[in-house]
Amino acid sequence: MSIEIERKFLVHPKSFNLPDKYLELLIQSSWAAKVRQGYLQSDDTSEVIRVRTVDMLKDRYVCPPNLYGVLTIKSATSGMTRTENEWKVKVHIADDLLEEASIESLVDKLRFRIPLDNKLWEIDVFLGEHKPLIIAEIELESENEKIIIPDWVGPEVTDFPEFYNKNLHTMRYRANPLFINLEANKISETGE
């Protein structure tokens, strides 16, 4: 069992709103993948059981299989800390479990890992109905750890459950003022 201490931030859409930026992000990243995930259990009072398939686009350090599955059990969130257990599973098992997940809980995203200032940032670029949502996550050694926040990172959403992957299907994040303001900023800068 491991402890996960994680902070989440919205990403300024102007940082990654062009297709060229995705290519640049892929080049800068040490790891990139297309992820599909769903939830077999996910309420706010108990553990979360998540299953995902990971289709590797890039890994700078090893030559992994291109496609694999992951089964994860996380405890209920307490601030930015929770327990987490993960197991790699065969992709056909992950696919079978994804069929058992509720259809509305399915999330598709591109995930990039970027090393920066001795930390690893994970940037999730959500696809489908959650586009243009982009969230950056960083795992910490302690809740009090100080980090350098890059200029492309927007407001922190660690304490907003509507931005947890397990809750995206509710679309409540679209009503959050932080998301609305970020979207309004994107529209005013692009003239759209």
Protein backbone atom coordinates (compact mmCIF):
# COMPACT_ATOMS: atom_id res chain seq x y z
CA MET A 1 0.00 0.00 0.00
CA SER A 2 1.33 3.43 -0.87
CA ILE A 3 0.31 6.91 0.15
CA GLU A 4 -0.57 9.38 -2.59
CA ILE A 5 -0.23 13.07 -1.82
CA GLU A 6 -1.33 15.01 -4.86
CA ARG A 7 -2.19 18.56 -5.86
CA LYS A 8 -4.32 19.35 -8.93
CA PHE A 9 -4.38 22.51 -11.03
CA LEU A 10 -6.25 23.69 -14.07
CA VAL A 11 -4.01 24.50 -17.01
CA HIS A 12 -4.32 27.77 -18.89
CA PRO A 13 -6.00 26.83 -22.19
CA LYS A 14 -3.84 29.38 -24.02
CA SER A 15 -0.84 27.21 -23.11
CA PHE A 16 -2.13 24.14 -24.95
CA ASN A 17 -4.95 25.21 -27.25
CA LEU A 18 -3.24 24.55 -30.57
CA PRO A 19 -2.46 21.14 -32.09
CA ASP A 20 1.21 22.20 -32.36
CA LYS A 21 1.33 22.53 -28.57
CA TYR A 22 0.33 18.87 -28.16
CA LEU A 23 3.26 17.88 -30.37
CA GLU A 24 5.56 20.17 -28.37
CA LEU A 25 4.26 18.66 -25.12
CA LEU A 26 4.89 15.16 -26.46
CA ILE A 27 8.46 16.11 -27.40
CA GLN A 28 9.14 17.67 -23.95
CA SER A 29 7.59 14.82 -22.02
CA SER A 30 9.46 11.80 -20.71
CA TRP A 31 6.30 9.67 -21.01
CA ALA A 32 3.03 9.99 -22.91
CA ALA A 33 -0.02 7.77 -23.33
CA LYS A 34 -3.65 7.67 -24.35
CA VAL A 35 -5.67 6.57 -21.33
CA ARG A 36 -9.22 5.23 -21.07
CA GLN A 37 -10.53 4.74 -17.58
CA GLY A 38 -13.74 3.88 -15.82
CA TYR A 39 -14.94 3.37 -12.28
CA LEU A 40 -16.38 0.21 -10.80
CA GLN A 41 -17.00 1.94 -7.47
CA SER A 42 -16.65 5.65 -6.77
CA ASP A 43 -18.61 7.41 -4.11
CA ASP A 44 -17.33 10.11 -1.77
CA THR A 45 -17.49 7.99 1.39
CA SER A 46 -15.59 4.84 0.41
CA GLU A 47 -12.73 3.64 -1.72
CA VAL A 48 -12.56 4.15 -5.45
CA ILE A 49 -12.03 1.17 -7.73
CA ARG A 50 -10.70 2.30 -11.10
CA VAL A 51 -9.68 0.37 -14.17
CA ARG A 52 -7.79 1.82 -17.10
CA THR A 53 -6.11 0.90 -20.33
CA VAL A 54 -2.91 2.69 -21.20
CA ASP A 55 -1.77 2.94 -24.82
CA MET A 56 1.85 4.08 -24.72
CA LEU A 57 2.83 6.83 -27.11
CA LYS A 58 6.28 7.43 -25.64
CA ASP A 59 8.53 6.29 -22.82
CA ARG A 60 12.03 7.71 -22.76
CA TYR A 61 13.41 5.12 -20.33
CA VAL A 62 12.10 1.69 -21.26
CA CYS A 63 10.41 -0.12 -24.11
CA PRO A 64 7.15 -1.19 -22.45
CA PRO A 65 4.34 -3.06 -24.11
CA ASN A 66 2.32 -0.62 -26.16
CA LEU A 67 -0.94 -1.42 -24.42
CA TYR A 68 -1.58 -2.59 -20.85
CA GLY A 69 -4.20 -2.42 -18.13
CA VAL A 70 -4.12 -1.06 -14.57
CA LEU A 71 -6.47 -1.81 -11.69
CA THR A 72 -6.37 0.76 -8.86
CA ILE A 73 -8.01 0.96 -5.45
CA LYS A 74 -7.83 4.33 -3.70
CA SER A 75 -9.14 5.24 -0.27
CA ALA A 76 -11.64 8.06 0.17
CA THR A 77 -9.87 11.40 -0.24
CA SER A 78 -8.82 13.28 2.87
CA GLY A 79 -7.47 16.62 1.68
CA MET A 80 -4.70 15.88 -0.77
CA THR A 81 -3.72 12.54 0.82
CA ARG A 82 -5.07 9.01 0.35
CA THR A 83 -3.86 5.43 0.11
CA GLU A 84 -3.47 3.86 -3.30
CA ASN A 85 -2.83 0.34 -4.55
CA GLU A 86 -2.19 -0.38 -8.23
CA TRP A 87 -1.71 -3.59 -10.19
CA LYS A 88 -0.87 -4.05 -13.84
CA VAL A 89 -3.32 -6.43 -15.48
CA LYS A 90 -3.60 -7.92 -18.94
CA VAL A 91 -5.34 -5.59 -21.34
CA HIS A 92 -8.18 -8.05 -22.04
CA ILE A 93 -8.97 -8.12 -18.30
CA ALA A 94 -8.97 -4.29 -18.19
CA ASP A 95 -11.24 -4.21 -21.25
CA ASP A 96 -13.65 -6.67 -19.61
CA LEU A 97 -13.72 -4.57 -16.42
CA LEU A 98 -14.26 -1.37 -18.43
CA GLU A 99 -17.36 -3.00 -19.89
CA GLU A 100 -18.61 -3.42 -16.31
CA ALA A 101 -17.99 0.26 -15.47
CA SER A 102 -20.90 2.62 -15.84
CA ILE A 103 -20.78 4.22 -19.28
CA GLU A 104 -21.03 7.74 -17.87
CA SER A 105 -17.90 7.19 -15.74
CA LEU A 106 -15.66 6.50 -18.77
CA VAL A 107 -12.98 9.12 -19.30
CA ASP A 108 -10.62 9.41 -22.28
CA LYS A 109 -7.51 11.56 -22.05
CA LEU A 110 -3.97 12.07 -23.21
CA ARG A 111 -1.51 12.01 -20.33
CA PHE A 112 1.94 13.56 -20.49
CA ARG A 113 4.64 13.38 -17.80
CA ILE A 114 7.04 16.29 -17.71
CA PRO A 115 10.01 16.38 -15.32
CA LEU A 116 10.48 19.90 -13.96
CA ASP A 117 12.51 21.14 -10.95
CA ASN A 118 13.13 17.58 -9.70
CA LYS A 119 9.38 16.80 -9.69
CA LEU A 120 7.19 15.00 -12.20
CA TRP A 121 4.13 16.87 -13.51
CA GLU A 122 1.34 14.85 -15.12
CA ILE A 123 -0.76 16.79 -17.59
CA ASP A 124 -4.13 15.31 -18.55
CA VAL A 125 -5.65 16.65 -21.77
CA PHE A 126 -9.24 15.42 -21.69
CA LEU A 127 -10.94 14.25 -24.87
CA GLY A 128 -14.54 13.90 -25.99
CA GLU A 129 -17.20 15.62 -23.95
CA HIS A 130 -14.62 16.93 -21.46
CA LYS A 131 -12.60 18.84 -24.04
CA PRO A 132 -11.12 21.54 -23.41
CA LEU A 133 -10.45 20.52 -19.78
CA ILE A 134 -6.73 20.22 -18.99
CA ILE A 135 -5.52 19.33 -15.49
CA ALA A 136 -1.95 19.19 -14.19
CA GLU A 137 -1.17 16.99 -11.20
CA ILE A 138 1.93 16.75 -9.07
CA GLU A 139 2.66 14.16 -6.39
CA LEU A 140 4.38 15.36 -3.23
CA GLU A 141 6.44 13.83 -0.42
CA SER A 142 4.35 15.69 2.19
CA GLU A 143 1.32 18.00 2.23
CA ASN A 144 3.61 20.88 3.30
CA GLU A 145 6.16 20.39 0.51
CA LYS A 146 6.92 23.60 -1.39
CA ILE A 147 6.86 23.41 -5.17
CA ILE A 148 7.66 25.75 -8.03
CA ILE A 149 4.51 26.26 -10.07
CA PRO A 150 5.15 26.70 -13.82
CA ASP A 151 3.61 29.71 -15.57
CA TRP A 152 1.31 27.49 -17.65
CA VAL A 153 -0.41 26.20 -14.51
CA GLY A 154 -3.68 27.91 -13.55
CA PRO A 155 -5.76 27.87 -10.38
CA GLU A 156 -5.49 25.00 -7.91
CA VAL A 157 -8.49 22.64 -7.81
CA THR A 158 -7.23 20.05 -5.31
CA ASP A 159 -10.11 20.77 -2.93
CA PHE A 160 -12.84 20.78 -5.59
CA PRO A 161 -14.35 17.28 -5.97
CA GLU A 162 -15.97 18.22 -9.29
CA PHE A 163 -12.47 18.10 -10.84
CA TYR A 164 -11.74 14.54 -9.66
CA ASN A 165 -11.72 12.16 -12.62
CA LYS A 166 -14.35 9.98 -10.92
CA ASN A 167 -16.77 12.96 -10.89
CA LEU A 168 -16.21 14.42 -14.35
CA HIS A 169 -19.30 12.69 -15.75
CA THR A 170 -21.50 14.98 -13.61
CA MET A 171 -20.18 17.97 -15.62
CA ARG A 172 -20.36 20.05 -12.39
CA TYR A 173 -16.86 21.37 -13.11
CA ARG A 174 -18.30 23.41 -16.01
CA ALA A 175 -20.23 25.50 -13.45
CA ASN A 176 -17.17 26.14 -11.26
CA PRO A 177 -16.08 29.82 -11.47
CA LEU A 178 -12.44 28.77 -11.84
CA PHE A 179 -13.24 26.82 -15.00
CA ILE A 180 -15.62 29.50 -16.32
CA ASN A 181 -13.01 32.24 -15.83
CA LEU A 182 -10.31 30.18 -17.52
CA GLU A 183 -12.61 29.50 -20.48
CA ALA A 184 -13.62 33.19 -20.69
CA ASN A 185 -9.94 34.13 -20.71
CA LYS A 186 -9.33 31.69 -23.60
CA ILE A 187 -12.23 33.14 -25.62
CA SER A 188 -11.19 36.75 -25.06
CA GLU A 189 -7.59 35.99 -26.13
CA THR A 190 -8.49 34.02 -29.25
CA GLY A 191 -11.33 36.32 -30.29
CA GLU A 192 -13.68 33.38 -30.68
